[in-house]
Amino acid sequence: MGWFRQAPGKEREFVAAISWSSRSTGYADSV
């Protein structure tokens, strides 16, 4: 699963993601 976001006037960007086992997660540097 992942979360993305799109601000006004900007492209959609990656925010965070998680493996289905929850063993691994990843984040954008900004968050």
PDB file of all heavy atoms in Angstrom:
ATOM      1  N   MET A   1       0.824  -1.201   0.000  1.00  0.00           N
ATOM      2  CA  MET A   1       0.000   0.000   0.000  1.00  0.00           C
ATOM      3  C   MET A   1       0.857   1.248   0.000  1.00  0.00           C
ATOM      4  O   MET A   1       1.987   1.254   0.527  1.00  0.00           O
ATOM      5  CB  MET A   1      -0.915   0.009   1.229  1.00  0.00           C
ATOM      6  CG  MET A   1      -1.856  -1.177   1.328  1.00  0.00           C
ATOM      7  SD  MET A   1      -3.040  -1.235  -0.025  1.00  0.00           S
ATOM      8  CE  MET A   1      -4.011   0.244   0.311  1.00  0.00           C
ATOM      9  N   GLY A   2       0.312   2.299  -0.565  1.00  0.00           N
ATOM     10  CA  GLY A   2       1.059   3.549  -0.600  1.00  0.00           C
ATOM     11  C   GLY A   2       0.147   4.745  -0.445  1.00  0.00           C
ATOM     12  O   GLY A   2      -1.067   4.647  -0.653  1.00  0.00           O
ATOM     13  N   TRP A   3       0.745   5.838  -0.047  1.00  0.00           N
ATOM     14  CA  TRP A   3       0.062   7.131   0.001  1.00  0.00           C
ATOM     15  C   TRP A   3       0.794   8.086  -0.944  1.00  0.00           C
ATOM     16  O   TRP A   3       2.027   8.150  -0.934  1.00  0.00           O
ATOM     17  CB  TRP A   3       0.073   7.715   1.407  1.00  0.00           C
ATOM     18  CG  TRP A   3      -0.868   7.057   2.362  1.00  0.00           C
ATOM     19  CD1 TRP A   3      -0.584   6.070   3.263  1.00  0.00           C
ATOM     20  CD2 TRP A   3      -2.264   7.341   2.533  1.00  0.00           C
ATOM     21  NE1 TRP A   3      -1.703   5.716   3.967  1.00  0.00           N
ATOM     22  CE2 TRP A   3      -2.748   6.490   3.541  1.00  0.00           C
ATOM     23  CE3 TRP A   3      -3.159   8.233   1.928  1.00  0.00           C
ATOM     24  CZ2 TRP A   3      -4.081   6.502   3.962  1.00  0.00           C
ATOM     25  CZ3 TRP A   3      -4.470   8.242   2.334  1.00  0.00           C
ATOM     26  CH2 TRP A   3      -4.932   7.386   3.347  1.00  0.00           C
ATOM     27  N   PHE A   4       0.017   8.811  -1.705  1.00  0.00           N
ATOM     28  CA  PHE A   4       0.528   9.842  -2.592  1.00  0.00           C
ATOM     29  C   PHE A   4      -0.258  11.124  -2.321  1.00  0.00           C
ATOM     30  O   PHE A   4      -1.309  11.093  -1.688  1.00  0.00           O
ATOM     31  CB  PHE A   4       0.352   9.427  -4.056  1.00  0.00           C
ATOM     32  CG  PHE A   4       1.204   8.267  -4.455  1.00  0.00           C
ATOM     33  CD1 PHE A   4       0.866   6.967  -4.099  1.00  0.00           C
ATOM     34  CD2 PHE A   4       2.372   8.452  -5.192  1.00  0.00           C
ATOM     35  CE1 PHE A   4       1.666   5.884  -4.454  1.00  0.00           C
ATOM     36  CE2 PHE A   4       3.176   7.391  -5.547  1.00  0.00           C
ATOM     37  CZ  PHE A   4       2.821   6.107  -5.185  1.00  0.00           C
ATOM     38  N   ARG A   5       0.249  12.242  -2.810  1.00  0.00           N
ATOM     39  CA  ARG A   5      -0.487  13.490  -2.643  1.00  0.00           C
ATOM     40  C   ARG A   5      -0.290  14.379  -3.860  1.00  0.00           C
ATOM     41  O   ARG A   5       0.702  14.279  -4.572  1.00  0.00           O
ATOM     42  CB  ARG A   5      -0.044  14.218  -1.377  1.00  0.00           C
ATOM     43  CG  ARG A   5       1.377  14.747  -1.418  1.00  0.00           C
ATOM     44  CD  ARG A   5       1.766  15.338  -0.060  1.00  0.00           C
ATOM     45  NE  ARG A   5       3.114  15.890  -0.066  1.00  0.00           N
ATOM     46  CZ  ARG A   5       3.741  16.349   1.019  1.00  0.00           C
ATOM     47  NH1 ARG A   5       3.125  16.337   2.202  1.00  0.00           N
ATOM     48  NH2 ARG A   5       4.966  16.844   0.922  1.00  0.00           N
ATOM     49  N   GLN A   6      -1.275  15.256  -4.052  1.00  0.00           N
ATOM     50  CA  GLN A   6      -1.201  16.208  -5.152  1.00  0.00           C
ATOM     51  C   GLN A   6      -1.638  17.568  -4.650  1.00  0.00           C
ATOM     52  O   GLN A   6      -2.792  17.754  -4.235  1.00  0.00           O
ATOM     53  CB  GLN A   6      -2.080  15.769  -6.318  1.00  0.00           C
ATOM     54  CG  GLN A   6      -1.913  16.646  -7.549  1.00  0.00           C
ATOM     55  CD  GLN A   6      -2.553  16.041  -8.770  1.00  0.00           C
ATOM     56  OE1 GLN A   6      -3.433  15.182  -8.694  1.00  0.00           O
ATOM     57  NE2 GLN A   6      -2.114  16.473  -9.948  1.00  0.00           N
ATOM     58  N   ALA A   7      -0.700  18.494  -4.679  1.00  0.00           N
ATOM     59  CA  ALA A   7      -0.969  19.870  -4.288  1.00  0.00           C
ATOM     60  C   ALA A   7      -1.478  20.646  -5.502  1.00  0.00           C
ATOM     61  O   ALA A   7      -1.215  20.262  -6.644  1.00  0.00           O
ATOM     62  CB  ALA A   7       0.298  20.514  -3.739  1.00  0.00           C
ATOM     63  N   PRO A   8      -2.179  21.738  -5.272  1.00  0.00           N
ATOM     64  CA  PRO A   8      -2.695  22.537  -6.396  1.00  0.00           C
ATOM     65  C   PRO A   8      -1.586  22.964  -7.345  1.00  0.00           C
ATOM     66  O   PRO A   8      -0.547  23.475  -6.911  1.00  0.00           O
ATOM     67  CB  PRO A   8      -3.313  23.747  -5.695  1.00  0.00           C
ATOM     68  CG  PRO A   8      -3.674  23.258  -4.344  1.00  0.00           C
ATOM     69  CD  PRO A   8      -2.601  22.277  -3.972  1.00  0.00           C
ATOM     70  N   GLY A   9      -1.786  22.700  -8.616  1.00  0.00           N
ATOM     71  CA  GLY A   9      -0.817  23.107  -9.616  1.00  0.00           C
ATOM     72  C   GLY A   9       0.426  22.242  -9.702  1.00  0.00           C
ATOM     73  O   GLY A   9       1.352  22.567 -10.451  1.00  0.00           O
ATOM     74  N   LYS A  10       0.444  21.153  -8.952  1.00  0.00           N
ATOM     75  CA  LYS A  10       1.626  20.281  -8.952  1.00  0.00           C
ATOM     76  C   LYS A  10       1.240  18.867  -9.343  1.00  0.00           C
ATOM     77  O   LYS A  10       0.079  18.487  -9.300  1.00  0.00           O
ATOM     78  CB  LYS A  10       2.287  20.289  -7.577  1.00  0.00           C
ATOM     79  CG  LYS A  10       2.857  21.632  -7.168  1.00  0.00           C
ATOM     80  CD  LYS A  10       3.649  21.521  -5.883  1.00  0.00           C
ATOM     81  CE  LYS A  10       4.290  22.839  -5.510  1.00  0.00           C
ATOM     82  NZ  LYS A  10       5.105  22.726  -4.264  1.00  0.00           N
ATOM     83  N   GLU A  11       2.234  18.086  -9.707  1.00  0.00           N
ATOM     84  CA  GLU A  11       2.001  16.688 -10.043  1.00  0.00           C
ATOM     85  C   GLU A  11       1.849  15.864  -8.759  1.00  0.00           C
ATOM     86  O   GLU A  11       2.356  16.230  -7.698  1.00  0.00           O
ATOM     87  CB  GLU A  11       3.159  16.147 -10.884  1.00  0.00           C
ATOM     88  CG  GLU A  11       3.271  16.798 -12.248  1.00  0.00           C
ATOM     89  CD  GLU A  11       4.324  16.145 -13.118  1.00  0.00           C
ATOM     90  OE1 GLU A  11       5.069  15.280 -12.597  1.00  0.00           O
ATOM     91  OE2 GLU A  11       4.408  16.485 -14.308  1.00  0.00           O
ATOM     92  N   ARG A  12       1.176  14.761  -8.909  1.00  0.00           N
ATOM     93  CA  ARG A  12       1.023  13.850  -7.773  1.00  0.00           C
ATOM     94  C   ARG A  12       2.389  13.260  -7.419  1.00  0.00           C
ATOM     95  O   ARG A  12       3.169  12.902  -8.317  1.00  0.00           O
ATOM     96  CB  ARG A  12       0.025  12.747  -8.118  1.00  0.00           C
ATOM     97  CG  ARG A  12      -0.377  11.891  -6.943  1.00  0.00           C
ATOM     98  CD  ARG A  12      -1.676  11.156  -7.198  1.00  0.00           C
ATOM     99  NE  ARG A  12      -1.630  10.318  -8.369  1.00  0.00           N
ATOM    100  CZ  ARG A  12      -2.693   9.640  -8.830  1.00  0.00           C
ATOM    101  NH1 ARG A  12      -3.856   9.735  -8.208  1.00  0.00           N
ATOM    102  NH2 ARG A  12      -2.575   8.894  -9.906  1.00  0.00           N
ATOM    103  N   GLU A  13       2.655  13.162  -6.124  1.00  0.00           N
ATOM    104  CA  GLU A  13       3.962  12.690  -5.678  1.00  0.00           C
ATOM    105  C   GLU A  13       3.825  11.634  -4.592  1.00  0.00           C
ATOM    106  O   GLU A  13       2.836  11.574  -3.863  1.00  0.00           O
ATOM    107  CB  GLU A  13       4.786  13.868  -5.130  1.00  0.00           C
ATOM    108  CG  GLU A  13       4.192  14.512  -3.902  1.00  0.00           C
ATOM    109  CD  GLU A  13       5.073  15.628  -3.331  1.00  0.00           C
ATOM    110  OE1 GLU A  13       6.097  15.976  -3.937  1.00  0.00           O
ATOM    111  OE2 GLU A  13       4.698  16.155  -2.259  1.00  0.00           O
ATOM    112  N   PHE A  14       4.855  10.835  -4.490  1.00  0.00           N
ATOM    113  CA  PHE A  14       4.929   9.779  -3.484  1.00  0.00           C
ATOM    114  C   PHE A  14       5.074  10.379  -2.094  1.00  0.00           C
ATOM    115  O   PHE A  14       5.806  11.347  -1.901  1.00  0.00           O
ATOM    116  CB  PHE A  14       6.125   8.882  -3.794  1.00  0.00           C
ATOM    117  CG  PHE A  14       6.476   7.917  -2.697  1.00  0.00           C
ATOM    118  CD1 PHE A  14       5.690   6.792  -2.472  1.00  0.00           C
ATOM    119  CD2 PHE A  14       7.581   8.123  -1.905  1.00  0.00           C
ATOM    120  CE1 PHE A  14       6.016   5.897  -1.463  1.00  0.00           C
ATOM    121  CE2 PHE A  14       7.917   7.242  -0.901  1.00  0.00           C
ATOM    122  CZ  PHE A  14       7.141   6.131  -0.663  1.00  0.00           C
ATOM    123  N   VAL A  15       4.396   9.774  -1.113  1.00  0.00           N
ATOM    124  CA  VAL A  15       4.510  10.194   0.278  1.00  0.00           C
ATOM    125  C   VAL A  15       5.078   9.076   1.142  1.00  0.00           C
ATOM    126  O   VAL A  15       6.083   9.257   1.832  1.00  0.00           O
ATOM    127  CB  VAL A  15       3.133  10.625   0.844  1.00  0.00           C
ATOM    128  CG1 VAL A  15       3.253  10.950   2.328  1.00  0.00           C
ATOM    129  CG2 VAL A  15       2.588  11.823   0.066  1.00  0.00           C
ATOM    130  N   ALA A  16       4.433   7.910   1.122  1.00  0.00           N
ATOM    131  CA  ALA A  16       4.860   6.806   1.982  1.00  0.00           C
ATOM    132  C   ALA A  16       4.313   5.500   1.423  1.00  0.00           C
ATOM    133  O   ALA A  16       3.315   5.500   0.703  1.00  0.00           O
ATOM    134  CB  ALA A  16       4.370   7.005   3.410  1.00  0.00           C
ATOM    135  N   ALA A  17       4.966   4.395   1.778  1.00  0.00           N
ATOM    136  CA  ALA A  17       4.519   3.084   1.324  1.00  0.00           C
ATOM    137  C   ALA A  17       4.877   2.035   2.358  1.00  0.00           C
ATOM    138  O   ALA A  17       5.794   2.230   3.170  1.00  0.00           O
ATOM    139  CB  ALA A  17       5.130   2.736  -0.027  1.00  0.00           C
ATOM    140  N   ILE A  18       4.144   0.919   2.288  1.00  0.00           N
ATOM    141  CA  ILE A  18       4.366  -0.164   3.252  1.00  0.00           C
ATOM    142  C   ILE A  18       4.163  -1.495   2.558  1.00  0.00           C
ATOM    143  O   ILE A  18       3.273  -1.644   1.710  1.00  0.00           O
ATOM    144  CB  ILE A  18       3.400   0.010   4.458  1.00  0.00           C
ATOM    145  CG1 ILE A  18       3.712  -0.985   5.563  1.00  0.00           C
ATOM    146  CG2 ILE A  18       1.939  -0.089   4.018  1.00  0.00           C
ATOM    147  CD1 ILE A  18       2.999  -0.658   6.877  1.00  0.00           C
ATOM    148  N   SER A  19       4.983  -2.466   2.897  1.00  0.00           N
ATOM    149  CA  SER A  19       4.835  -3.810   2.336  1.00  0.00           C
ATOM    150  C   SER A  19       3.617  -4.489   2.948  1.00  0.00           C
ATOM    151  O   SER A  19       3.124  -4.067   3.990  1.00  0.00           O
ATOM    152  CB  SER A  19       6.091  -4.627   2.604  1.00  0.00           C
ATOM    153  OG  SER A  19       6.247  -4.822   4.011  1.00  0.00           O
ATOM    154  N   TRP A  20       3.160  -5.570   2.307  1.00  0.00           N
ATOM    155  CA  TRP A  20       1.943  -6.187   2.849  1.00  0.00           C
ATOM    156  C   TRP A  20       2.185  -6.871   4.181  1.00  0.00           C
ATOM    157  O   TRP A  20       1.280  -7.077   4.957  1.00  0.00           O
ATOM    158  CB  TRP A  20       1.247  -7.073   1.834  1.00  0.00           C
ATOM    159  CG  TRP A  20       1.887  -8.346   1.365  1.00  0.00           C
ATOM    160  CD1 TRP A  20       2.474  -8.552   0.155  1.00  0.00           C
ATOM    161  CD2 TRP A  20       1.935  -9.610   2.039  1.00  0.00           C
ATOM    162  NE1 TRP A  20       2.887  -9.838   0.038  1.00  0.00           N
ATOM    163  CE2 TRP A  20       2.562 -10.529   1.190  1.00  0.00           C
ATOM    164  CE3 TRP A  20       1.493 -10.070   3.289  1.00  0.00           C
ATOM    165  CZ2 TRP A  20       2.771 -11.863   1.526  1.00  0.00           C
ATOM    166  CZ3 TRP A  20       1.694 -11.394   3.626  1.00  0.00           C
ATOM    167  CH2 TRP A  20       2.337 -12.262   2.745  1.00  0.00           C
ATOM    168  N   SER A  21       3.443  -7.198   4.460  1.00  0.00           N
ATOM    169  CA  SER A  21       3.778  -7.802   5.749  1.00  0.00           C
ATOM    170  C   SER A  21       4.040  -6.764   6.832  1.00  0.00           C
ATOM    171  O   SER A  21       4.227  -7.125   7.994  1.00  0.00           O
ATOM    172  CB  SER A  21       5.021  -8.664   5.583  1.00  0.00           C
ATOM    173  OG  SER A  21       6.128  -7.832   5.289  1.00  0.00           O
ATOM    174  N   SER A  22       4.099  -5.482   6.446  1.00  0.00           N
ATOM    175  CA  SER A  22       4.479  -4.367   7.331  1.00  0.00           C
ATOM    176  C   SER A  22       5.954  -4.390   7.706  1.00  0.00           C
ATOM    177  O   SER A  22       6.394  -3.573   8.511  1.00  0.00           O
ATOM    178  CB  SER A  22       3.647  -4.344   8.624  1.00  0.00           C
ATOM    179  OG  SER A  22       2.288  -4.131   8.349  1.00  0.00           O
ATOM    180  N   ARG A  23       6.738  -5.294   7.126  1.00  0.00           N
ATOM    181  CA  ARG A  23       8.160  -5.387   7.474  1.00  0.00           C
ATOM    182  C   ARG A  23       8.945  -4.201   6.945  1.00  0.00           C
ATOM    183  O   ARG A  23       9.969  -3.810   7.523  1.00  0.00           O
ATOM    184  CB  ARG A  23       8.753  -6.664   6.906  1.00  0.00           C
ATOM    185  CG  ARG A  23       8.265  -7.932   7.560  1.00  0.00           C
ATOM    186  CD  ARG A  23       8.921  -9.150   6.924  1.00  0.00           C
ATOM    187  NE  ARG A  23       8.345 -10.400   7.407  1.00  0.00           N
ATOM    188  CZ  ARG A  23       8.668 -11.595   6.932  1.00  0.00           C
ATOM    189  NH1 ARG A  23       9.565 -11.690   5.977  1.00  0.00           N
ATOM    190  NH2 ARG A  23       8.104 -12.673   7.407  1.00  0.00           N
ATOM    191  N   SER A  24       8.473  -3.652   5.821  1.00  0.00           N
ATOM    192  CA  SER A  24       9.224  -2.573   5.177  1.00  0.00           C
ATOM    193  C   SER A  24       8.340  -1.363   4.950  1.00  0.00           C
ATOM    194  O   SER A  24       7.170  -1.495   4.577  1.00  0.00           O
ATOM    195  CB  SER A  24       9.767  -3.041   3.829  1.00  0.00           C
ATOM    196  OG  SER A  24      10.580  -4.180   3.979  1.00  0.00           O
ATOM    197  N   THR A  25       8.923  -0.193   5.200  1.00  0.00           N
ATOM    198  CA  THR A  25       8.235   1.063   4.918  1.00  0.00           C
ATOM    199  C   THR A  25       9.203   2.028   4.249  1.00  0.00           C
ATOM    200  O   THR A  25      10.420   1.909   4.413  1.00  0.00           O
ATOM    201  CB  THR A  25       7.694   1.718   6.197  1.00  0.00           C
ATOM    202  OG1 THR A  25       8.775   1.943   7.105  1.00  0.00           O
ATOM    203  CG2 THR A  25       6.638   0.852   6.873  1.00  0.00           C
ATOM    204  N   GLY A  26       8.642   2.959   3.501  1.00  0.00           N
ATOM    205  CA  GLY A  26       9.459   3.971   2.842  1.00  0.00           C
ATOM    206  C   GLY A  26       8.755   5.305   2.856  1.00  0.00           C
ATOM    207  O   GLY A  26       7.520   5.364   2.879  1.00  0.00           O
ATOM    208  N   TYR A  27       9.545   6.384   2.860  1.00  0.00           N
ATOM    209  CA  TYR A  27       8.988   7.722   2.959  1.00  0.00           C
ATOM    210  C   TYR A  27       9.704   8.683   2.016  1.00  0.00           C
ATOM    211  O   TYR A  27      10.889   8.546   1.756  1.00  0.00           O
ATOM    212  CB  TYR A  27       9.131   8.264   4.385  1.00  0.00           C
ATOM    213  CG  TYR A  27       8.397   7.450   5.416  1.00  0.00           C
ATOM    214  CD1 TYR A  27       9.011   6.390   6.066  1.00  0.00           C
ATOM    215  CD2 TYR A  27       7.062   7.734   5.730  1.00  0.00           C
ATOM    216  CE1 TYR A  27       8.328   5.629   7.003  1.00  0.00           C
ATOM    217  CE2 TYR A  27       6.379   6.991   6.662  1.00  0.00           C
ATOM    218  CZ  TYR A  27       7.019   5.936   7.293  1.00  0.00           C
ATOM    219  OH  TYR A  27       6.333   5.186   8.227  1.00  0.00           O
ATOM    220  N   ALA A  28       8.964   9.670   1.565  1.00  0.00           N
ATOM    221  CA  ALA A  28       9.585  10.765   0.844  1.00  0.00           C
ATOM    222  C   ALA A  28      10.412  11.577   1.836  1.00  0.00           C
ATOM    223  O   ALA A  28      10.074  11.664   3.017  1.00  0.00           O
ATOM    224  CB  ALA A  28       8.512  11.653   0.214  1.00  0.00           C
ATOM    225  N   ASP A  29      11.483  12.154   1.365  1.00  0.00           N
ATOM    226  CA  ASP A  29      12.360  12.940   2.247  1.00  0.00           C
ATOM    227  C   ASP A  29      11.595  14.070   2.927  1.00  0.00           C
ATOM    228  O   ASP A  29      11.882  14.429   4.065  1.00  0.00           O
ATOM    229  CB  ASP A  29      13.521  13.512   1.448  1.00  0.00           C
ATOM    230  CG  ASP A  29      14.532  12.446   1.058  1.00  0.00           C
ATOM    231  OD1 ASP A  29      14.518  11.351   1.662  1.00  0.00           O
ATOM    232  OD2 ASP A  29      15.327  12.706   0.146  1.00  0.00           O
ATOM    233  N   SER A  30      10.621  14.625   2.230  1.00  0.00           N
ATOM    234  CA  SER A  30       9.887  15.777   2.748  1.00  0.00           C
ATOM    235  C   SER A  30       9.016  15.451   3.964  1.00  0.00           C
ATOM    236  O   SER A  30       8.616  16.352   4.696  1.00  0.00           O
ATOM    237  CB  SER A  30       9.023  16.382   1.646  1.00  0.00           C
ATOM    238  OG  SER A  30       8.097  15.425   1.155  1.00  0.00           O
ATOM    239  N   VAL A  31       8.718  14.155   4.161  1.00  0.00           N
ATOM    240  CA  VAL A  31       7.843  13.787   5.290  1.00  0.00           C
ATOM    241  C   VAL A  31       8.541  12.882   6.287  1.00  0.00           C
ATOM    242  O   VAL A  31       7.962  12.569   7.343  1.00  0.00           O
ATOM    243  CB  VAL A  31       6.545  13.104   4.785  1.00  0.00           C
ATOM    244  CG1 VAL A  31       5.851  13.972   3.760  1.00  0.00           C
ATOM    245  CG2 VAL A  31       6.828  11.717   4.228  1.00  0.00           C
TER     246      VAL A  31
END
